[in-house]
Amino acid sequence: MLAFVTRHSGSCKAVSLSWDLMRPLALTYALLPVAVFLLGWLRASFAIAATLILLLVWLWSSFVRVRRACPLWSPSVELLDAMNPASRTGEEKGSHAIQVSRAALLLLALVASLWVFFSGIGGFWAQSTDFTARNGIFRCLVLDSWPVYFDGGASSLVYYLNHWLPAAALGKIGHLLSGDADLSMRIANIALYVWSVAGVFLVELLALLVLRVSSNRDCLIAVLVLVFFSGCDVAGIILRCLMGSSEVAAHAFGTMHLEQWAGSSYVQYSSNTTLLYWVFNQTIIPWVCTLSVLLERDHSRYVPFALACFGAGPYPFVGLVALCLVLGISSCVRSIRGGNALLWLRSVSSPANLCAALLAVIYLFFFLGNHSVASSGDRLQPFGLAPGATLRLIVLFYIVEIGVYLVPLFSRYKKNPLYWFSAMLLAILPFIHLGSWYEVCFRVSIPVLLVICLMSARLIIEAAPSLLVRPVAETAMPWLLVIVLSIGAVTPLFEFARGAVAVSRFGVEGAVQPAADIGSAHVQEGAQSNFKAPVSDGGVFFTYLAQPYEEEQDDG
C-alpha cells in the first residue's frame, strides 16, 4: 500500500511520503470498487467501454501533470501548511514530503487493525444492529449472481455497494470454485476486514499529509484525534435531563449509542468511531476522497474522487461536492483576478473530470431505481423542522456538536473559507429531510465533520509544545479544545464498550448480527425498502444498461 522512499538518518530509518506518491494509491483504493461494479452489473458491451474509460481516468489522474490555473494558496493549503508560507516552498512541483518513522507507521497500522477489528467488520467482534442489513447485503453480493435480482427478476438490490465489492468478488470466486457457501463467506469476511483495514490505514497516512506532521508525537496526536473525535454528546444528554427529558438518558445509555440524545430519528452528527462501527460502507471511501481533495492543488482530479465517493455513498458525495464547490469558487475568483480564467476552466474541464462525470451518470441511473425516498411519506419534506423537533432543540444540538469546536478554532481559522463553509453547512443540514431516516443530516455531514476534525488536530499539534510551559491565558483556546475533545471522546468509548459488553454476555458468535433476508422485503407501491427496487418500471439502468435477469439465478 505504501508509496515511499526509505531514508537513513543515523541509525534511524524514516519513510518519505508525498501526495505525488500517494495519489495513485488513493485513486486505486477509491476506484477499484467502481471497476468491479461496472464489470459485474453492466451488459458486456457497456462494461468493457465503461471500464476502459475508468482506466483512462485512473491513468490520467495518477500520472499526468497539469499546469495550475491559480496561485498556490487555497483554503485547504492553509489547513495543510499551518499558515507557514515557508512550508510551501517546492509545492509548485509537488515535491513536499513528510518523513514518518517506521515506529509511527507501525503504530498507525496497529490502530487501523484494532479500530476495524472492534467495529465488527468481518464478524470477529460484536457488531452494531446496523450490521443485520449490511451482513444480508454482503451475503447477497457473495452468493448471488450479479446484478443481484430478487422475486424472479422483478426486483433488484439497489444500494451503496462499492465498499463491499472487492471483498465480495474474492468470496464469489471461492464460491464458484468450492460451492461451499460457509467457506465462501469466511473468505469474503476476511477479505472485507483486510480491505477495510487497508482503507483506514490509507486514511491515517493521508491525514498525516494533510496535517503536514512527521514527528512521533504529532503522529500520535493526529491518530488519537481521528479515533476519538466527536461532538459532546454526553453533555447534550445532561442538558436534556436538566430540561426535563430524563428518558433521553435512559435510551442513550441503554443502547450505548450516545448520538441519539437529540432524537435518533431526525438529527445526529456521528463520531468517527460511530461512523466506522455503523456505516463503514459510507465512510471509509468518502474519507479517502475527502482527504484526497484537500491534498489536490488544482481541480483537474476532483471528479474522479467524487465518482468514487458517489458509488460508496450518495449522501457523503453531496457533502464532498459542496466542499469541492467552495474550493473551486475560491480558486475561480483568484484566477479571474490573476488573469488565469482560461487556465482555471481548462483545469475544471480536464479529461479525467469529464470522463468521470460520464461514468457518474451510470451510478445516478442505478440509484434512481431505489424507491425508499419516493415512499418515505412525511419524510419527503425537503426543508423545515422534522416531526417532534423544536428550534430550541436544534440550536442546542448545534452548540453541543459543532459550536464547542468553532469557538476554540475561531482565532486560528477565522480567515479560512473552509471554517465558515463547515459552520454554515452543518447549521443547515438538520433542516433538510430526505430519505427513510433523514440521511441528509446523518451522512452529508461526513466530509465536513472530517474537516473540523483535521482543523482540531492541526491546532492541538501546533499548540502541544507550549501547552505546559506558557501561561494558561496564552493557551486558553487550545486548552478549551483539549477539554472539548476529551468530553467528546466519551462517545467513541461507549462504542468500544458496547462491543465489549455484548461479547461478555453472548460471546463473539452471539454478538455478531444475523444476516437479514434482503430478498423478503416488499417493494410494492407505498412500501419502503432501502435495499430493493422494482426493475419493471422503465428505469434506464435495468432496462438498458444492466445485465438482464437469467432464470438460473438464485433469488437470494
Protein backbone atom coordinates (compact mmCIF):
# COMPACT_ATOMS: atom_id res chain seq x y z
CA MET A 1 0.00 0.00 0.00
CA LEU A 2 2.80 2.43 0.81
CA ALA A 3 4.41 4.58 -1.84
CA PHE A 4 7.56 5.65 -0.08
CA VAL A 5 11.25 6.27 -0.08
CA THR A 6 13.23 5.00 2.90
CA ARG A 7 15.85 7.42 4.18
CA HIS A 8 18.59 6.70 6.69
CA SER A 9 19.21 9.21 9.45
CA GLY A 10 21.97 7.75 11.58
CA SER A 11 20.60 4.53 12.97
CA CYS A 12 17.01 5.63 12.44
CA LYS A 13 15.05 4.94 9.29
CA ALA A 14 12.15 7.09 8.14
CA VAL A 15 9.67 6.76 5.33
CA SER A 16 9.16 9.69 2.98
CA LEU A 17 5.53 10.25 1.98
CA SER A 18 4.30 12.77 -0.57
CA TRP A 19 0.98 13.33 -2.28
CA ASP A 20 2.50 12.69 -5.70
CA LEU A 21 3.43 9.21 -4.49
CA MET A 22 0.23 8.58 -2.54
CA ARG A 23 -2.22 9.82 -5.18
CA PRO A 24 -2.13 6.63 -7.31
CA LEU A 25 -2.77 4.55 -4.18
CA ALA A 26 -5.70 6.71 -3.15
CA LEU A 27 -7.14 6.54 -6.66
CA THR A 28 -6.67 2.78 -6.81
CA TYR A 29 -8.41 2.19 -3.49
CA ALA A 30 -11.26 4.55 -4.34
CA LEU A 31 -11.82 3.47 -7.96
CA LEU A 32 -11.24 -0.30 -7.77
CA PRO A 33 -14.81 -0.88 -6.47
CA VAL A 34 -16.11 1.23 -9.35
CA ALA A 35 -14.37 -1.11 -11.81
CA VAL A 36 -15.85 -4.17 -10.07
CA PHE A 37 -19.32 -2.62 -10.24
CA LEU A 38 -19.05 -1.76 -13.92
CA LEU A 39 -17.83 -5.24 -14.85
CA GLY A 40 -20.33 -7.03 -12.62
CA TRP A 41 -23.52 -5.06 -13.26
CA LEU A 42 -23.42 -3.77 -16.83
CA ARG A 43 -24.07 -5.60 -20.10
CA ALA A 44 -20.82 -6.76 -21.67
CA SER A 45 -20.51 -4.00 -24.28
CA PHE A 46 -21.23 -1.23 -21.77
CA ALA A 47 -19.00 -2.86 -19.16
CA ILE A 48 -15.97 -3.02 -21.45
CA ALA A 49 -16.40 0.55 -22.68
CA ALA A 50 -17.02 1.97 -19.20
CA THR A 51 -14.08 0.08 -17.69
CA LEU A 52 -11.73 1.34 -20.40
CA ILE A 53 -12.89 4.89 -19.70
CA LEU A 54 -12.30 4.30 -15.99
CA LEU A 55 -8.79 3.01 -16.73
CA LEU A 56 -8.06 6.18 -18.68
CA VAL A 57 -9.37 8.24 -15.75
CA TRP A 58 -7.05 6.39 -13.37
CA LEU A 59 -4.00 6.72 -15.63
CA TRP A 60 -4.56 10.42 -16.34
CA SER A 61 -5.31 11.27 -12.71
CA SER A 62 -2.38 9.27 -11.38
CA PHE A 63 0.43 10.35 -13.68
CA VAL A 64 -0.40 13.40 -15.84
CA ARG A 65 0.89 16.71 -14.53
CA VAL A 66 -1.15 19.80 -15.23
CA ARG A 67 -0.37 23.48 -15.24
CA ARG A 68 -2.02 25.10 -12.25
CA ALA A 69 -4.56 27.77 -13.04
CA CYS A 70 -4.24 29.95 -9.98
CA PRO A 71 -1.90 30.98 -7.16
CA LEU A 72 -0.87 28.12 -4.94
CA TRP A 73 -2.80 29.22 -1.89
CA SER A 74 -6.21 27.72 -1.30
CA PRO A 75 -8.36 27.18 1.79
CA SER A 76 -7.08 23.63 2.03
CA VAL A 77 -3.46 24.74 1.76
CA GLU A 78 -3.92 26.94 4.81
CA LEU A 79 -5.21 23.88 6.62
CA LEU A 80 -2.31 21.78 5.38
CA ASP A 81 0.60 24.12 5.91
CA ALA A 82 -0.28 25.64 9.27
CA MET A 83 -0.25 29.19 7.85
CA ASN A 84 3.50 28.95 7.37
CA PRO A 85 4.44 30.36 3.93
CA ALA A 86 7.92 28.89 4.20
CA SER A 87 6.47 25.40 4.28
CA ARG A 88 5.04 25.88 0.80
CA THR A 89 8.47 26.01 -0.82
CA GLY A 90 8.70 23.38 -3.52
CA GLU A 91 4.94 22.75 -3.64
CA GLU A 92 4.80 24.00 -7.21
CA LYS A 93 6.40 20.71 -8.26
CA GLY A 94 4.57 18.64 -5.70
CA SER A 95 7.92 17.87 -4.09
CA HIS A 96 6.90 18.42 -0.48
CA ALA A 97 7.11 15.26 1.59
CA ILE A 98 6.87 14.29 5.22
CA GLN A 99 9.23 11.92 6.98
CA VAL A 100 7.44 9.34 9.12
CA SER A 101 9.34 6.90 11.30
CA ARG A 102 8.78 3.20 10.97
CA ALA A 103 7.63 3.16 14.59
CA ALA A 104 4.90 5.66 13.72
CA LEU A 105 3.85 3.61 10.70
CA LEU A 106 3.66 0.52 12.87
CA LEU A 107 1.50 2.43 15.35
CA LEU A 108 -0.83 3.56 12.56
CA ALA A 109 -1.12 0.03 11.20
CA LEU A 110 -1.88 -1.30 14.68
CA VAL A 111 -4.51 1.37 15.33
CA ALA A 112 -6.15 0.70 11.95
CA SER A 113 -6.22 -3.05 12.61
CA LEU A 114 -7.69 -2.72 16.10
CA TRP A 115 -10.12 0.08 15.18
CA VAL A 116 -11.60 -2.02 12.39
CA PHE A 117 -11.46 -5.25 14.43
CA PHE A 118 -13.56 -3.79 17.24
CA SER A 119 -16.03 -2.36 14.72
CA GLY A 120 -17.20 -5.90 13.96
CA ILE A 121 -16.29 -5.69 10.28
CA GLY A 122 -15.51 -9.25 9.21
CA GLY A 123 -17.51 -10.76 12.06
CA PHE A 124 -14.61 -11.15 14.52
CA TRP A 125 -16.15 -8.97 17.24
CA ALA A 126 -19.54 -7.65 18.31
CA GLN A 127 -21.50 -5.74 15.68
CA SER A 128 -23.97 -2.87 15.90
CA THR A 129 -27.57 -3.54 14.95
CA ASP A 130 -26.99 -1.92 11.55
CA PHE A 131 -24.93 -4.96 10.60
CA THR A 132 -28.11 -7.04 10.32
CA ALA A 133 -28.88 -5.40 6.99
CA ARG A 134 -25.23 -4.98 6.00
CA ASN A 135 -24.48 -8.65 6.57
CA GLY A 136 -27.51 -9.51 4.47
CA ILE A 137 -26.34 -7.28 1.63
CA PHE A 138 -22.83 -8.74 1.80
CA ARG A 139 -24.17 -12.29 1.73
CA CYS A 140 -26.22 -11.48 -1.38
CA LEU A 141 -23.16 -10.00 -3.07
CA VAL A 142 -21.06 -13.08 -2.33
CA LEU A 143 -23.53 -15.89 -3.03
CA ASP A 144 -25.89 -14.48 -5.68
CA SER A 145 -25.23 -13.63 -9.32
CA TRP A 146 -24.52 -10.02 -10.28
CA PRO A 147 -26.63 -7.93 -10.61
CA VAL A 148 -28.48 -9.30 -7.58
CA TYR A 149 -32.09 -9.94 -8.60
CA PHE A 150 -34.99 -11.00 -6.39
CA ASP A 151 -38.57 -12.15 -6.95
CA GLY A 152 -37.88 -13.88 -10.23
CA GLY A 153 -36.23 -10.80 -11.71
CA ALA A 154 -38.98 -8.40 -10.66
CA SER A 155 -36.73 -6.52 -8.26
CA SER A 156 -33.03 -5.98 -7.63
CA LEU A 157 -30.59 -4.96 -4.93
CA VAL A 158 -30.02 -1.20 -5.22
CA TYR A 159 -27.80 0.31 -2.55
CA TYR A 160 -24.36 1.82 -1.92
CA LEU A 161 -22.41 -1.36 -2.60
CA ASN A 162 -18.93 -0.20 -3.54
CA HIS A 163 -17.05 -0.79 -0.30
CA TRP A 164 -18.09 -4.45 -0.23
CA LEU A 165 -17.36 -5.27 -3.86
CA PRO A 166 -13.62 -6.17 -3.87
CA ALA A 167 -14.08 -8.50 -0.89
CA ALA A 168 -17.32 -9.89 -2.29
CA ALA A 169 -15.56 -10.65 -5.57
CA LEU A 170 -12.96 -12.77 -3.74
CA GLY A 171 -15.71 -14.57 -1.84
CA LYS A 172 -17.60 -15.15 -5.06
CA ILE A 173 -14.54 -16.71 -6.67
CA GLY A 174 -14.27 -19.01 -3.65
CA HIS A 175 -17.92 -19.93 -4.04
CA LEU A 176 -17.54 -20.69 -7.73
CA LEU A 177 -14.53 -22.93 -7.03
CA SER A 178 -15.77 -24.72 -3.92
CA GLY A 179 -19.56 -24.45 -3.97
CA ASP A 180 -19.37 -24.12 -0.16
CA ALA A 181 -21.38 -21.10 0.98
CA ASP A 182 -19.97 -21.05 4.52
CA LEU A 183 -16.38 -21.25 3.32
CA SER A 184 -17.05 -18.53 0.75
CA MET A 185 -18.47 -16.22 3.41
CA ARG A 186 -15.44 -16.80 5.65
CA ILE A 187 -13.12 -15.90 2.77
CA ALA A 188 -15.22 -12.84 1.98
CA ASN A 189 -15.33 -11.66 5.60
CA ILE A 190 -11.56 -11.97 5.99
CA ALA A 191 -11.12 -10.06 2.74
CA LEU A 192 -13.58 -7.39 3.91
CA TYR A 193 -11.64 -6.95 7.14
CA VAL A 194 -8.31 -6.65 5.28
CA TRP A 195 -9.82 -4.26 2.71
CA SER A 196 -11.26 -2.08 5.49
CA VAL A 197 -8.00 -2.03 7.46
CA ALA A 198 -6.15 -1.02 4.29
CA GLY A 199 -8.63 1.82 3.77
CA VAL A 200 -8.36 3.10 7.34
CA PHE A 201 -4.56 2.87 7.20
CA LEU A 202 -4.66 4.89 3.98
CA VAL A 203 -6.92 7.45 5.70
CA GLU A 204 -4.36 7.77 8.50
CA LEU A 205 -1.50 8.31 6.06
CA LEU A 206 -3.44 10.89 4.08
CA ALA A 207 -4.37 12.67 7.31
CA LEU A 208 -0.67 12.93 8.17
CA LEU A 209 -0.07 14.50 4.76
CA VAL A 210 -2.96 16.92 5.22
CA LEU A 211 -1.66 17.93 8.65
CA ARG A 212 1.99 18.01 7.50
CA VAL A 213 3.21 16.13 10.57
CA SER A 214 6.25 13.90 10.86
CA SER A 215 7.32 13.50 14.50
CA ASN A 216 6.14 10.53 16.52
CA ARG A 217 4.43 12.85 18.99
CA ASP A 218 2.46 14.64 16.27
CA CYS A 219 1.52 11.34 14.61
CA LEU A 220 0.19 10.11 17.94
CA ILE A 221 -1.86 13.28 18.43
CA ALA A 222 -3.26 13.03 14.91
CA VAL A 223 -4.37 9.41 15.25
CA LEU A 224 -5.88 10.00 18.72
CA VAL A 225 -7.93 12.92 17.43
CA LEU A 226 -9.02 10.86 14.41
CA VAL A 227 -10.23 7.94 16.55
CA PHE A 228 -11.82 9.93 19.39
CA PHE A 229 -13.22 12.99 17.60
CA SER A 230 -16.90 13.50 18.40
CA GLY A 231 -19.47 16.05 19.42
CA CYS A 232 -20.08 16.44 23.16
CA ASP A 233 -22.99 14.00 23.21
CA VAL A 234 -22.76 13.25 26.92
CA ALA A 235 -23.10 16.99 27.61
CA GLY A 236 -26.20 17.03 25.42
CA ILE A 237 -27.69 14.17 27.43
CA ILE A 238 -27.03 16.01 30.70
CA LEU A 239 -28.55 19.23 29.38
CA ARG A 240 -31.66 17.46 28.14
CA CYS A 241 -32.06 15.80 31.52
CA LEU A 242 -31.86 19.22 33.15
CA MET A 243 -34.57 20.32 30.70
CA GLY A 244 -36.80 17.50 31.97
CA SER A 245 -36.24 14.81 29.30
CA SER A 246 -34.96 12.02 31.53
CA GLU A 247 -35.99 9.33 29.03
CA VAL A 248 -33.23 10.56 26.71
CA ALA A 249 -30.53 9.41 29.12
CA ALA A 250 -32.23 6.04 29.63
CA HIS A 251 -32.42 5.47 25.88
CA ALA A 252 -28.91 6.69 25.00
CA PHE A 253 -27.13 4.92 27.84
CA GLY A 254 -29.33 1.86 27.44
CA THR A 255 -28.35 1.43 23.79
CA MET A 256 -24.80 2.73 24.41
CA HIS A 257 -25.27 4.87 21.31
CA LEU A 258 -24.97 8.40 22.70
CA GLU A 259 -25.53 10.31 19.45
CA GLN A 260 -29.23 9.60 19.80
CA TRP A 261 -29.55 12.18 22.58
CA ALA A 262 -31.14 14.79 20.29
CA GLY A 263 -33.61 12.35 18.72
CA SER A 264 -32.36 9.31 16.85
CA SER A 265 -34.86 9.64 14.03
CA TYR A 266 -34.07 13.08 12.74
CA VAL A 267 -30.87 14.82 13.89
CA GLN A 268 -27.45 13.36 14.59
CA TYR A 269 -23.79 14.04 13.87
CA SER A 270 -21.77 10.87 14.33
CA SER A 271 -18.32 10.47 15.82
CA ASN A 272 -15.64 8.99 13.56
CA THR A 273 -15.75 5.75 15.51
CA THR A 274 -19.54 5.61 15.29
CA LEU A 275 -19.38 6.06 11.53
CA LEU A 276 -16.91 3.19 11.23
CA TYR A 277 -18.94 0.96 13.55
CA TRP A 278 -22.35 1.60 11.98
CA VAL A 279 -21.98 2.78 8.36
CA PHE A 280 -18.45 1.81 7.32
CA ASN A 281 -19.59 1.30 3.73
CA GLN A 282 -20.48 5.02 3.52
CA THR A 283 -17.46 6.20 5.49
CA ILE A 284 -14.06 4.76 4.57
CA ILE A 285 -14.02 5.58 0.84
CA PRO A 286 -15.60 9.04 1.38
CA TRP A 287 -12.88 9.74 3.97
CA VAL A 288 -10.21 8.78 1.42
CA CYS A 289 -11.85 11.00 -1.21
CA THR A 290 -12.24 13.99 1.13
CA LEU A 291 -8.61 13.88 2.20
CA SER A 292 -7.52 13.49 -1.43
CA VAL A 293 -9.48 16.57 -2.49
CA LEU A 294 -7.87 18.56 0.33
CA LEU A 295 -4.45 17.43 -0.87
CA GLU A 296 -5.03 18.38 -4.52
CA ARG A 297 -3.65 21.73 -5.64
CA ASP A 298 -5.95 22.12 -8.64
CA HIS A 299 -9.36 20.85 -9.71
CA SER A 300 -8.43 18.55 -12.56
CA ARG A 301 -8.88 15.40 -10.43
CA TYR A 302 -11.84 16.35 -8.27
CA VAL A 303 -14.47 14.42 -10.24
CA PRO A 304 -12.70 11.02 -10.17
CA PHE A 305 -12.69 11.20 -6.38
CA ALA A 306 -16.29 12.42 -6.40
CA LEU A 307 -17.22 9.46 -8.64
CA ALA A 308 -15.68 7.03 -6.15
CA CYS A 309 -17.48 8.74 -3.28
CA PHE A 310 -20.79 8.64 -5.19
CA GLY A 311 -20.61 4.88 -5.60
CA ALA A 312 -19.78 4.40 -1.92
CA GLY A 313 -22.39 6.80 -0.56
CA PRO A 314 -24.56 9.34 -2.38
CA TYR A 315 -25.09 11.35 0.80
CA PRO A 316 -21.40 11.83 1.64
CA PHE A 317 -20.99 12.59 -2.06
CA VAL A 318 -23.26 15.63 -1.65
CA GLY A 319 -21.07 16.88 1.21
CA LEU A 320 -17.93 16.31 -0.84
CA VAL A 321 -19.39 18.14 -3.85
CA ALA A 322 -20.23 21.10 -1.61
CA LEU A 323 -16.63 21.10 -0.38
CA CYS A 324 -15.32 20.96 -3.95
CA LEU A 325 -17.55 23.88 -4.93
CA VAL A 326 -16.17 26.03 -2.13
CA LEU A 327 -12.60 25.25 -3.15
CA GLY A 328 -13.46 25.68 -6.84
CA ILE A 329 -15.23 29.02 -6.42
CA SER A 330 -12.39 30.36 -4.27
CA SER A 331 -9.90 29.30 -6.94
CA CYS A 332 -12.05 30.73 -9.73
CA VAL A 333 -12.23 34.16 -8.09
CA ARG A 334 -8.46 34.25 -7.61
CA SER A 335 -7.87 33.03 -11.17
CA ILE A 336 -10.07 35.75 -12.63
CA ARG A 337 -8.28 38.38 -10.57
CA GLY A 338 -4.95 36.99 -11.75
CA GLY A 339 -5.98 36.81 -15.41
CA ASN A 340 -5.90 32.99 -15.44
CA ALA A 341 -9.58 32.27 -16.03
CA LEU A 342 -8.92 30.13 -19.11
CA LEU A 343 -6.39 28.00 -17.26
CA TRP A 344 -8.91 27.53 -14.44
CA LEU A 345 -11.55 26.45 -16.96
CA ARG A 346 -9.09 24.06 -18.58
CA SER A 347 -8.33 22.54 -15.17
CA VAL A 348 -12.00 22.04 -14.33
CA SER A 349 -12.73 20.53 -17.74
CA SER A 350 -9.82 18.09 -17.66
CA PRO A 351 -10.20 14.73 -19.46
CA ALA A 352 -10.33 12.94 -16.11
CA ASN A 353 -13.13 15.15 -14.81
CA LEU A 354 -15.21 14.85 -17.98
CA CYS A 355 -14.84 11.07 -18.26
CA ALA A 356 -15.52 10.54 -14.55
CA ALA A 357 -18.65 12.70 -14.82
CA LEU A 358 -19.85 10.48 -17.66
CA LEU A 359 -19.39 7.37 -15.53
CA ALA A 360 -21.20 9.03 -12.63
CA VAL A 361 -24.34 9.11 -14.77
CA ILE A 362 -24.38 5.30 -14.62
CA TYR A 363 -24.50 5.41 -10.83
CA LEU A 364 -27.18 8.09 -10.98
CA PHE A 365 -29.45 5.83 -13.04
CA PHE A 366 -28.67 2.92 -10.70
CA PHE A 367 -29.56 4.79 -7.50
CA LEU A 368 -32.70 6.31 -9.01
CA GLY A 369 -34.11 2.79 -9.09
CA ASN A 370 -34.41 2.76 -5.29
CA HIS A 371 -37.90 3.84 -4.20
CA SER A 372 -37.27 4.33 -0.49
CA VAL A 373 -37.18 8.11 -0.89
CA ALA A 374 -40.30 8.16 -3.04
CA SER A 375 -42.15 6.07 -0.46
CA SER A 376 -40.93 7.92 2.62
CA GLY A 377 -44.23 9.69 3.29
CA ASP A 378 -43.82 12.64 5.62
CA ARG A 379 -40.07 12.32 5.43
CA LEU A 380 -40.10 13.59 1.86
CA GLN A 381 -40.23 17.17 3.16
CA PRO A 382 -37.10 18.93 1.93
CA PHE A 383 -36.96 21.81 4.42
CA GLY A 384 -38.10 22.64 7.92
CA LEU A 385 -38.22 21.04 11.35
CA ALA A 386 -38.51 17.28 11.49
CA PRO A 387 -41.51 15.81 13.32
CA GLY A 388 -41.01 16.15 17.07
CA ALA A 389 -38.12 18.59 16.76
CA THR A 390 -38.11 22.14 18.09
CA LEU A 391 -35.96 25.09 17.15
CA ARG A 392 -34.61 25.20 20.71
CA LEU A 393 -33.50 21.58 20.43
CA ILE A 394 -31.80 22.19 17.07
CA VAL A 395 -29.93 25.20 18.48
CA LEU A 396 -28.82 23.16 21.48
CA PHE A 397 -27.77 20.34 19.16
CA TYR A 398 -25.65 22.70 17.06
CA ILE A 399 -23.93 24.23 20.08
CA VAL A 400 -23.12 20.87 21.69
CA GLU A 401 -22.00 19.16 18.47
CA ILE A 402 -20.36 21.95 16.45
CA GLY A 403 -20.26 25.24 18.34
CA VAL A 404 -17.98 23.80 21.01
CA TYR A 405 -15.37 23.31 18.25
CA LEU A 406 -15.97 26.53 16.35
CA VAL A 407 -15.15 28.70 19.36
CA PRO A 408 -11.59 27.44 20.04
CA LEU A 409 -10.90 27.16 16.29
CA PHE A 410 -12.06 30.70 15.51
CA SER A 411 -8.86 32.65 16.09
CA ARG A 412 -6.83 30.13 14.07
CA TYR A 413 -9.21 29.70 11.13
CA LYS A 414 -11.38 32.82 11.02
CA LYS A 415 -9.91 33.79 7.63
CA ASN A 416 -10.25 30.31 6.15
CA PRO A 417 -13.34 29.80 3.94
CA LEU A 418 -13.41 26.11 4.93
CA TYR A 419 -14.12 27.14 8.52
CA TRP A 420 -17.14 29.25 7.56
CA PHE A 421 -18.33 26.72 5.00
CA SER A 422 -18.28 23.94 7.60
CA ALA A 423 -20.03 26.10 10.19
CA MET A 424 -22.81 27.11 7.81
CA LEU A 425 -23.42 23.75 6.16
CA LEU A 426 -23.59 21.93 9.49
CA ALA A 427 -26.09 24.55 10.68
CA ILE A 428 -28.32 23.95 7.65
CA LEU A 429 -28.30 20.15 7.43
CA PRO A 430 -30.68 19.48 10.39
CA PHE A 431 -33.39 21.33 8.47
CA ILE A 432 -33.11 19.24 5.29
CA HIS A 433 -35.05 15.97 5.31
CA LEU A 434 -34.90 13.40 2.55
CA GLY A 435 -34.90 9.64 2.71
CA SER A 436 -36.15 6.99 5.05
CA TRP A 437 -34.04 8.01 8.07
CA TYR A 438 -33.11 11.67 7.46
CA GLU A 439 -29.79 10.64 5.98
CA VAL A 440 -29.04 14.19 4.78
CA CYS A 441 -28.18 15.29 8.30
CA PHE A 442 -26.64 11.97 9.28
CA ARG A 443 -24.39 11.36 6.28
CA VAL A 444 -23.93 14.52 4.15
CA SER A 445 -22.04 15.76 7.19
CA ILE A 446 -19.32 13.07 6.92
CA PRO A 447 -16.79 15.04 4.78
CA VAL A 448 -17.48 18.30 6.62
CA LEU A 449 -17.05 16.77 10.07
CA LEU A 450 -13.72 15.37 8.88
CA VAL A 451 -12.62 18.92 8.03
CA ILE A 452 -13.48 20.07 11.58
CA CYS A 453 -11.60 17.03 12.92
CA LEU A 454 -8.50 17.95 10.91
CA MET A 455 -8.63 21.58 11.98
CA SER A 456 -8.84 20.45 15.60
CA ALA A 457 -5.87 18.13 15.19
CA ARG A 458 -3.89 20.90 13.49
CA LEU A 459 -4.48 23.32 16.35
CA ILE A 460 -3.58 20.78 19.05
CA ILE A 461 -0.39 19.79 17.20
CA GLU A 462 0.67 23.42 16.84
CA ALA A 463 -0.03 24.21 20.49
CA ALA A 464 1.33 20.99 22.02
CA PRO A 465 4.90 22.26 22.67
CA SER A 466 3.63 25.29 24.59
CA LEU A 467 0.59 23.95 26.46
CA LEU A 468 2.50 23.17 29.64
CA VAL A 469 5.11 25.95 29.52
CA ARG A 470 3.15 29.08 28.61
CA PRO A 471 0.59 30.84 30.82
CA VAL A 472 -2.94 29.50 30.56
CA ALA A 473 -4.12 32.90 29.32
CA GLU A 474 -1.97 32.44 26.19
CA THR A 475 -3.10 28.88 25.54
CA ALA A 476 -6.74 29.18 26.58
CA MET A 477 -8.20 28.17 23.21
CA PRO A 478 -6.04 25.07 22.72
CA TRP A 479 -6.82 24.00 26.29
CA LEU A 480 -10.52 24.56 25.63
CA LEU A 481 -10.23 22.38 22.54
CA VAL A 482 -8.48 19.66 24.56
CA ILE A 483 -11.37 19.75 27.06
CA VAL A 484 -13.97 19.56 24.28
CA LEU A 485 -12.18 16.64 22.63
CA SER A 486 -11.95 14.86 25.98
CA ILE A 487 -15.69 15.24 26.61
CA GLY A 488 -16.46 14.16 23.06
CA ALA A 489 -14.26 11.06 23.50
CA VAL A 490 -16.91 9.61 25.80
CA THR A 491 -19.00 8.73 22.72
CA PRO A 492 -16.41 6.52 20.94
CA LEU A 493 -15.51 4.99 24.31
CA PHE A 494 -19.15 3.94 24.65
CA GLU A 495 -18.98 2.44 21.16
CA PHE A 496 -15.97 0.37 22.23
CA ALA A 497 -17.70 -0.58 25.48
CA ARG A 498 -20.89 -1.64 23.72
CA GLY A 499 -18.99 -4.31 21.82
CA ALA A 500 -17.12 -5.50 24.89
CA VAL A 501 -20.35 -5.80 26.90
CA ALA A 502 -22.04 -7.74 24.10
CA VAL A 503 -19.12 -10.17 23.82
CA SER A 504 -19.01 -10.67 27.59
CA ARG A 505 -22.73 -11.53 27.60
CA PHE A 506 -23.14 -13.57 24.46
CA GLY A 507 -19.66 -14.45 23.26
CA VAL A 508 -18.28 -13.31 19.89
CA GLU A 509 -20.54 -15.59 17.88
CA GLY A 510 -23.64 -14.46 19.74
CA ALA A 511 -22.68 -10.79 19.41
CA VAL A 512 -22.38 -10.97 15.61
CA GLN A 513 -25.60 -9.84 13.95
CA PRO A 514 -27.53 -12.31 11.80
CA ALA A 515 -27.82 -11.56 8.09
CA ALA A 516 -31.19 -10.10 7.16
CA ASP A 517 -33.13 -11.64 4.30
CA ILE A 518 -32.91 -8.71 1.91
CA GLY A 519 -34.95 -10.53 -0.72
CA SER A 520 -38.02 -10.77 1.53
CA ALA A 521 -38.63 -7.01 1.69
CA HIS A 522 -41.65 -5.71 -0.22
CA VAL A 523 -41.29 -3.05 -2.88
CA GLN A 524 -44.89 -2.55 -3.91
CA GLU A 525 -46.25 0.96 -4.24
CA GLY A 526 -46.35 2.69 -0.87
CA ALA A 527 -43.90 0.31 0.82
CA GLN A 528 -40.40 1.26 1.92
CA SER A 529 -37.26 -0.64 1.09
CA ASN A 530 -33.81 0.85 1.41
CA PHE A 531 -32.26 -2.04 -0.49
CA LYS A 532 -34.65 -3.30 -3.17
CA ALA A 533 -36.05 -1.70 -6.28
CA PRO A 534 -38.58 -2.89 -8.88
CA VAL A 535 -36.97 -3.32 -12.28
CA SER A 536 -40.09 -3.33 -14.44
CA ASP A 537 -40.93 0.36 -14.16
CA GLY A 538 -39.00 1.51 -17.20
CA GLY A 539 -35.93 2.72 -15.31
CA VAL A 540 -32.94 3.41 -17.54
CA PHE A 541 -30.42 1.33 -15.64
CA PHE A 542 -32.21 -2.03 -15.56
CA THR A 543 -33.92 -1.51 -18.91
CA TYR A 544 -30.87 -0.62 -20.98
CA LEU A 545 -27.60 -0.87 -19.02
CA ALA A 546 -27.74 -3.77 -16.58
CA GLN A 547 -27.20 -7.42 -17.35
CA PRO A 548 -30.68 -8.95 -17.64
CA TYR A 549 -32.09 -11.47 -15.20
CA GLU A 550 -31.43 -15.10 -16.04
CA GLU A 551 -33.71 -17.90 -14.89
CA GLU A 552 -30.97 -19.93 -13.24
CA GLN A 553 -30.11 -17.08 -10.89
CA ASP A 554 -30.68 -17.67 -7.19
CA ASP A 555 -33.41 -15.40 -5.90
CA GLY A 556 -31.45 -14.75 -2.70
